[in-house]
């Protein structure tokens, strides 16, 4: 078990089409020995979509992690001062969250948890899932790639013909990326695909 005794803050944002993969990611982290503390943005926490009923999704997340979801900014703020996690992993991480993180905006529980955690000089790992990664958000991704203590799960285009600006992380590389980020290294290569 490669992540035994590692405490992971899992920041879940509103890339709803990725939620079906979220459950297997949580299971993998738990199977590797990690403790997973789920934190959800307001949109992710409250929105029913064609990808699922949010109450069923929240129940499944809490059952898989054995932890109550942190869903407010006041609940998220103590993460840093109380040193509750070893690494913050934002997955799925939307372009909206990337833009806010790159521009120091702290208006969701996930962003507050991240800011609070970064105060401790600990790593943040981003598992990107956005339709505008190679468009308007490319500059924000570049900014974060050059920010201390922020790392990325390797990523690439998920459908370069129909969605040429869309980026998603490689779920198969999450455990390796976490281990590297805990040692303050960016796993390489960072770009995946053909």
C-alpha atoms as a PDB file:
ATOM      1  CA  UNK A   1       0.000   0.000   0.000  1.00  0.00           C
ATOM      2  CA  UNK A   2       1.834   3.002  -1.362  1.00  0.00           C
ATOM      3  CA  UNK A   3      -0.137   5.710   0.493  1.00  0.00           C
ATOM      4  CA  UNK A   4      -0.344   4.182   3.964  1.00  0.00           C
ATOM      5  CA  UNK A   5      -0.991   6.839   6.632  1.00  0.00           C
ATOM      6  CA  UNK A   6      -1.209   9.630   4.041  1.00  0.00           C
ATOM      7  CA  UNK A   7      -4.054  12.072   4.711  1.00  0.00           C
ATOM      8  CA  UNK A   8      -5.484  13.402   1.449  1.00  0.00           C
ATOM      9  CA  UNK A   9      -7.849  16.343   1.208  1.00  0.00           C
ATOM     10  CA  UNK A  10      -9.914  15.579  -1.884  1.00  0.00           C
ATOM     11  CA  UNK A  11     -11.256  18.817  -3.387  1.00  0.00           C
ATOM     12  CA  UNK A  12     -14.183  17.971  -5.658  1.00  0.00           C
ATOM     13  CA  UNK A  13     -15.295  20.668  -8.099  1.00  0.00           C
ATOM     14  CA  UNK A  14     -18.061  20.796 -10.696  1.00  0.00           C
ATOM     15  CA  UNK A  15     -16.714  18.788 -13.601  1.00  0.00           C
ATOM     16  CA  UNK A  16     -19.822  16.650 -13.363  1.00  0.00           C
ATOM     17  CA  UNK A  17     -18.991  14.431 -16.338  1.00  0.00           C
ATOM     18  CA  UNK A  18     -15.950  13.208 -14.375  1.00  0.00           C
ATOM     19  CA  UNK A  19     -17.923  12.137 -11.288  1.00  0.00           C
ATOM     20  CA  UNK A  20     -18.319   8.597 -12.632  1.00  0.00           C
ATOM     21  CA  UNK A  21     -14.509   8.283 -12.464  1.00  0.00           C
ATOM     22  CA  UNK A  22     -14.323   9.961  -9.056  1.00  0.00           C
ATOM     23  CA  UNK A  23     -15.604   6.900  -7.230  1.00  0.00           C
ATOM     24  CA  UNK A  24     -12.906   4.600  -8.596  1.00  0.00           C
ATOM     25  CA  UNK A  25     -10.264   7.218  -7.768  1.00  0.00           C
ATOM     26  CA  UNK A  26     -11.464   7.301  -4.144  1.00  0.00           C
ATOM     27  CA  UNK A  27     -11.445   3.490  -4.008  1.00  0.00           C
ATOM     28  CA  UNK A  28      -7.888   3.408  -5.366  1.00  0.00           C
ATOM     29  CA  UNK A  29      -6.670   5.941  -2.798  1.00  0.00           C
ATOM     30  CA  UNK A  30      -8.334   4.011   0.037  1.00  0.00           C
ATOM     31  CA  UNK A  31      -6.942   0.692  -1.265  1.00  0.00           C
ATOM     32  CA  UNK A  32      -3.469   2.263  -1.240  1.00  0.00           C
ATOM     33  CA  UNK A  33      -3.900   3.008   2.471  1.00  0.00           C
ATOM     34  CA  UNK A  34      -4.784   6.719   2.362  1.00  0.00           C
ATOM     35  CA  UNK A  35      -7.300   8.545   4.508  1.00  0.00           C
ATOM     36  CA  UNK A  36      -9.514  10.670   2.252  1.00  0.00           C
ATOM     37  CA  UNK A  37     -11.221  13.830   3.506  1.00  0.00           C
ATOM     38  CA  UNK A  38     -13.761  15.006   0.900  1.00  0.00           C
ATOM     39  CA  UNK A  39     -14.272  18.733   0.315  1.00  0.00           C
ATOM     40  CA  UNK A  40     -16.789  19.953  -2.272  1.00  0.00           C
ATOM     41  CA  UNK A  41     -17.362  23.293  -3.972  1.00  0.00           C
ATOM     42  CA  UNK A  42     -20.863  24.723  -3.602  1.00  0.00           C
ATOM     43  CA  UNK A  43     -21.725  23.908  -7.232  1.00  0.00           C
ATOM     44  CA  UNK A  44     -20.472  20.354  -6.932  1.00  0.00           C
ATOM     45  CA  UNK A  45     -22.302  19.921  -3.593  1.00  0.00           C
ATOM     46  CA  UNK A  46     -25.705  21.252  -4.684  1.00  0.00           C
ATOM     47  CA  UNK A  47     -26.239  20.592  -8.394  1.00  0.00           C
ATOM     48  CA  UNK A  48     -28.192  17.728  -9.940  1.00  0.00           C
ATOM     49  CA  UNK A  49     -27.120  17.114 -13.527  1.00  0.00           C
ATOM     50  CA  UNK A  50     -27.675  14.606 -16.304  1.00  0.00           C
ATOM     51  CA  UNK A  51     -24.668  12.797 -14.810  1.00  0.00           C
ATOM     52  CA  UNK A  52     -26.430  12.028 -11.536  1.00  0.00           C
ATOM     53  CA  UNK A  53     -28.484  12.978  -8.525  1.00  0.00           C
ATOM     54  CA  UNK A  54     -26.271  14.978  -6.192  1.00  0.00           C
ATOM     55  CA  UNK A  55     -27.709  13.477  -3.003  1.00  0.00           C
ATOM     56  CA  UNK A  56     -26.856   9.985  -4.251  1.00  0.00           C
ATOM     57  CA  UNK A  57     -23.384  11.168  -5.291  1.00  0.00           C
ATOM     58  CA  UNK A  58     -22.722  12.781  -1.880  1.00  0.00           C
ATOM     59  CA  UNK A  59     -23.901   9.662  -0.055  1.00  0.00           C
ATOM     60  CA  UNK A  60     -21.583   7.499  -2.147  1.00  0.00           C
ATOM     61  CA  UNK A  61     -18.620   9.838  -1.533  1.00  0.00           C
ATOM     62  CA  UNK A  62     -19.199   9.775   2.235  1.00  0.00           C
ATOM     63  CA  UNK A  63     -19.613   5.992   2.246  1.00  0.00           C
ATOM     64  CA  UNK A  64     -16.441   5.452   0.222  1.00  0.00           C
ATOM     65  CA  UNK A  65     -14.312   7.860   2.273  1.00  0.00           C
ATOM     66  CA  UNK A  66     -15.883   7.137   5.684  1.00  0.00           C
ATOM     67  CA  UNK A  67     -15.831  10.907   6.221  1.00  0.00           C
ATOM     68  CA  UNK A  68     -18.427  13.664   6.162  1.00  0.00           C
ATOM     69  CA  UNK A  69     -18.064  16.062   3.244  1.00  0.00           C
ATOM     70  CA  UNK A  70     -16.727  19.511   4.074  1.00  0.00           C
ATOM     71  CA  UNK A  71     -19.088  21.807   2.205  1.00  0.00           C
ATOM     72  CA  UNK A  72     -18.661  25.317   3.637  1.00  0.00           C
ATOM     73  CA  UNK A  73     -15.839  27.828   3.788  1.00  0.00           C
ATOM     74  CA  UNK A  74     -15.881  27.929   7.641  1.00  0.00           C
ATOM     75  CA  UNK A  75     -15.586  24.111   7.742  1.00  0.00           C
ATOM     76  CA  UNK A  76     -12.642  24.208   5.310  1.00  0.00           C
ATOM     77  CA  UNK A  77     -10.606  27.003   6.927  1.00  0.00           C
ATOM     78  CA  UNK A  78      -9.239  24.936   9.878  1.00  0.00           C
ATOM     79  CA  UNK A  79      -7.599  22.403   7.545  1.00  0.00           C
ATOM     80  CA  UNK A  80      -4.313  24.337   7.610  1.00  0.00           C
ATOM     81  CA  UNK A  81      -4.205  25.523  11.227  1.00  0.00           C
ATOM     82  CA  UNK A  82      -5.153  22.048  12.492  1.00  0.00           C
ATOM     83  CA  UNK A  83      -2.753  20.368  10.035  1.00  0.00           C
ATOM     84  CA  UNK A  84      -5.476  17.923   8.973  1.00  0.00           C
ATOM     85  CA  UNK A  85      -3.975  16.714   5.685  1.00  0.00           C
ATOM     86  CA  UNK A  86      -0.627  15.878   4.101  1.00  0.00           C
ATOM     87  CA  UNK A  87      -1.645  16.772   0.551  1.00  0.00           C
ATOM     88  CA  UNK A  88      -4.549  18.577  -1.093  1.00  0.00           C
ATOM     89  CA  UNK A  89      -5.703  16.825  -4.266  1.00  0.00           C
ATOM     90  CA  UNK A  90      -8.210  18.767  -6.370  1.00  0.00           C
ATOM     91  CA  UNK A  91     -10.051  16.241  -8.550  1.00  0.00           C
ATOM     92  CA  UNK A  92     -11.804  16.878 -10.787  1.00  0.00           C
ATOM     93  CA  UNK A  93     -10.391  20.387 -11.075  1.00  0.00           C
ATOM     94  CA  UNK A  94     -12.419  22.645 -13.348  1.00  0.00           C
ATOM     95  CA  UNK A  95     -11.129  25.571 -15.369  1.00  0.00           C
ATOM     96  CA  UNK A  96     -13.112  27.827 -13.035  1.00  0.00           C
ATOM     97  CA  UNK A  97     -11.209  26.535  -9.999  1.00  0.00           C
ATOM     98  CA  UNK A  98      -7.881  26.725 -11.853  1.00  0.00           C
ATOM     99  CA  UNK A  99      -8.555  30.367 -12.776  1.00  0.00           C
ATOM    100  CA  UNK A 100      -9.497  31.276  -9.222  1.00  0.00           C
ATOM    101  CA  UNK A 101      -6.521  29.468  -7.694  1.00  0.00           C
ATOM    102  CA  UNK A 102      -4.142  31.145 -10.162  1.00  0.00           C
ATOM    103  CA  UNK A 103      -5.602  34.538  -9.261  1.00  0.00           C
ATOM    104  CA  UNK A 104      -5.794  34.102  -5.466  1.00  0.00           C
ATOM    105  CA  UNK A 105      -9.599  33.981  -5.276  1.00  0.00           C
ATOM    106  CA  UNK A 106     -10.895  32.042  -2.281  1.00  0.00           C
ATOM    107  CA  UNK A 107     -14.671  31.783  -2.602  1.00  0.00           C
ATOM    108  CA  UNK A 108     -15.401  28.049  -2.355  1.00  0.00           C
ATOM    109  CA  UNK A 109     -14.695  25.401   0.296  1.00  0.00           C
ATOM    110  CA  UNK A 110     -12.185  23.718  -2.058  1.00  0.00           C
ATOM    111  CA  UNK A 111     -10.261  26.959  -2.585  1.00  0.00           C
ATOM    112  CA  UNK A 112     -10.336  27.781   1.135  1.00  0.00           C
ATOM    113  CA  UNK A 113      -9.059  24.298   1.975  1.00  0.00           C
ATOM    114  CA  UNK A 114      -6.292  24.721  -0.597  1.00  0.00           C
ATOM    115  CA  UNK A 115      -5.279  28.176   0.647  1.00  0.00           C
ATOM    116  CA  UNK A 116      -5.380  27.010   4.255  1.00  0.00           C
ATOM    117  CA  UNK A 117      -3.291  23.938   3.418  1.00  0.00           C
ATOM    118  CA  UNK A 118      -0.720  25.956   1.438  1.00  0.00           C
ATOM    119  CA  UNK A 119      -0.017  28.045   4.561  1.00  0.00           C
ATOM    120  CA  UNK A 120       1.752  24.963   5.888  1.00  0.00           C
ATOM    121  CA  UNK A 121       4.067  24.808   2.841  1.00  0.00           C
ATOM    122  CA  UNK A 122       2.565  21.459   1.860  1.00  0.00           C
ATOM    123  CA  UNK A 123       1.825  20.160  -1.648  1.00  0.00           C
ATOM    124  CA  UNK A 124      -1.296  20.647  -3.741  1.00  0.00           C
ATOM    125  CA  UNK A 125      -1.971  18.287  -6.636  1.00  0.00           C
ATOM    126  CA  UNK A 126      -4.321  19.193  -9.481  1.00  0.00           C
ATOM    127  CA  UNK A 127      -6.221  16.592 -11.497  1.00  0.00           C
ATOM    128  CA  UNK A 128      -7.420  18.777 -14.340  1.00  0.00           C
ATOM    129  CA  UNK A 129     -10.767  18.356 -16.104  1.00  0.00           C
ATOM    130  CA  UNK A 130     -11.726  21.380 -18.187  1.00  0.00           C
ATOM    131  CA  UNK A 131     -13.061  22.206 -21.620  1.00  0.00           C
ATOM    132  CA  UNK A 132     -10.958  25.386 -21.867  1.00  0.00           C
ATOM    133  CA  UNK A 133      -7.500  24.214 -20.796  1.00  0.00           C
ATOM    134  CA  UNK A 134      -5.945  25.068 -24.151  1.00  0.00           C
ATOM    135  CA  UNK A 135      -8.089  28.177 -24.541  1.00  0.00           C
ATOM    136  CA  UNK A 136      -8.756  30.924 -22.017  1.00  0.00           C
ATOM    137  CA  UNK A 137      -7.347  28.885 -19.127  1.00  0.00           C
ATOM    138  CA  UNK A 138      -3.970  28.048 -20.700  1.00  0.00           C
ATOM    139  CA  UNK A 139      -2.403  31.107 -19.055  1.00  0.00           C
ATOM    140  CA  UNK A 140      -3.746  30.080 -15.641  1.00  0.00           C
ATOM    141  CA  UNK A 141      -2.400  26.546 -16.011  1.00  0.00           C
ATOM    142  CA  UNK A 142       0.970  28.038 -16.967  1.00  0.00           C
ATOM    143  CA  UNK A 143       0.856  30.266 -13.910  1.00  0.00           C
ATOM    144  CA  UNK A 144       0.144  27.313 -11.618  1.00  0.00           C
ATOM    145  CA  UNK A 145       2.869  25.196 -13.244  1.00  0.00           C
ATOM    146  CA  UNK A 146       5.276  27.859 -12.003  1.00  0.00           C
ATOM    147  CA  UNK A 147       3.824  28.183  -8.505  1.00  0.00           C
ATOM    148  CA  UNK A 148       5.626  26.734  -5.498  1.00  0.00           C
ATOM    149  CA  UNK A 149       4.030  23.627  -3.972  1.00  0.00           C
ATOM    150  CA  UNK A 150       1.489  23.144  -6.787  1.00  0.00           C
ATOM    151  CA  UNK A 151       1.781  20.042  -8.968  1.00  0.00           C
ATOM    152  CA  UNK A 152      -0.284  18.382 -11.707  1.00  0.00           C
ATOM    153  CA  UNK A 153      -1.357  14.848 -12.487  1.00  0.00           C
ATOM    154  CA  UNK A 154      -0.123  14.321 -16.071  1.00  0.00           C
ATOM    155  CA  UNK A 155      -2.782  15.492 -18.513  1.00  0.00           C
ATOM    156  CA  UNK A 156      -3.683  15.616 -22.187  1.00  0.00           C
ATOM    157  CA  UNK A 157      -6.455  16.286 -24.655  1.00  0.00           C
ATOM    158  CA  UNK A 158      -9.423  13.971 -24.230  1.00  0.00           C
ATOM    159  CA  UNK A 159     -11.029  14.610 -27.648  1.00  0.00           C
ATOM    160  CA  UNK A 160      -8.844  16.816 -29.838  1.00  0.00           C
ATOM    161  CA  UNK A 161     -11.279  16.680 -32.769  1.00  0.00           C
ATOM    162  CA  UNK A 162     -14.583  17.573 -31.098  1.00  0.00           C
ATOM    163  CA  UNK A 163     -13.136  19.498 -28.115  1.00  0.00           C
ATOM    164  CA  UNK A 164      -9.679  20.765 -29.110  1.00  0.00           C
ATOM    165  CA  UNK A 165      -9.272  22.950 -25.973  1.00  0.00           C
ATOM    166  CA  UNK A 166     -10.350  20.252 -23.503  1.00  0.00           C
ATOM    167  CA  UNK A 167      -7.868  18.698 -21.050  1.00  0.00           C
ATOM    168  CA  UNK A 168      -8.194  15.808 -18.605  1.00  0.00           C
ATOM    169  CA  UNK A 169      -5.716  14.184 -16.265  1.00  0.00           C
ATOM    170  CA  UNK A 170      -4.541  10.599 -16.600  1.00  0.00           C
ATOM    171  CA  UNK A 171      -6.252   8.718 -13.766  1.00  0.00           C
ATOM    172  CA  UNK A 172      -3.726   5.880 -14.032  1.00  0.00           C
ATOM    173  CA  UNK A 173      -0.997   8.272 -12.869  1.00  0.00           C
ATOM    174  CA  UNK A 174      -2.728   9.686  -9.790  1.00  0.00           C
ATOM    175  CA  UNK A 175      -0.974   7.519  -7.179  1.00  0.00           C
ATOM    176  CA  UNK A 176       2.433   8.184  -8.734  1.00  0.00           C
ATOM    177  CA  UNK A 177       1.680  11.906  -8.947  1.00  0.00           C
ATOM    178  CA  UNK A 178       0.659  11.986  -5.274  1.00  0.00           C
ATOM    179  CA  UNK A 179       3.846  10.222  -4.204  1.00  0.00           C
ATOM    180  CA  UNK A 180       5.962  12.647  -6.244  1.00  0.00           C
ATOM    181  CA  UNK A 181       4.096  15.723  -4.997  1.00  0.00           C
ATOM    182  CA  UNK A 182       4.599  14.584  -1.400  1.00  0.00           C
ATOM    183  CA  UNK A 183       8.328  14.765  -2.208  1.00  0.00           C
ATOM    184  CA  UNK A 184       7.807  18.178  -3.883  1.00  0.00           C
ATOM    185  CA  UNK A 185       8.474  16.849  -7.384  1.00  0.00           C
ATOM    186  CA  UNK A 186       6.392  17.159 -10.516  1.00  0.00           C
ATOM    187  CA  UNK A 187       5.894  13.702 -12.031  1.00  0.00           C
ATOM    188  CA  UNK A 188       7.154  13.592 -15.620  1.00  0.00           C
ATOM    189  CA  UNK A 189       6.244  13.597 -18.381  1.00  0.00           C
ATOM    190  CA  UNK A 190       3.466  16.032 -17.546  1.00  0.00           C
ATOM    191  CA  UNK A 191       1.831  15.813 -20.987  1.00  0.00           C
ATOM    192  CA  UNK A 192       0.181  12.572 -22.085  1.00  0.00           C
ATOM    193  CA  UNK A 193      -1.135  11.337 -25.406  1.00  0.00           C
ATOM    194  CA  UNK A 194       0.126  10.545 -28.861  1.00  0.00           C
END
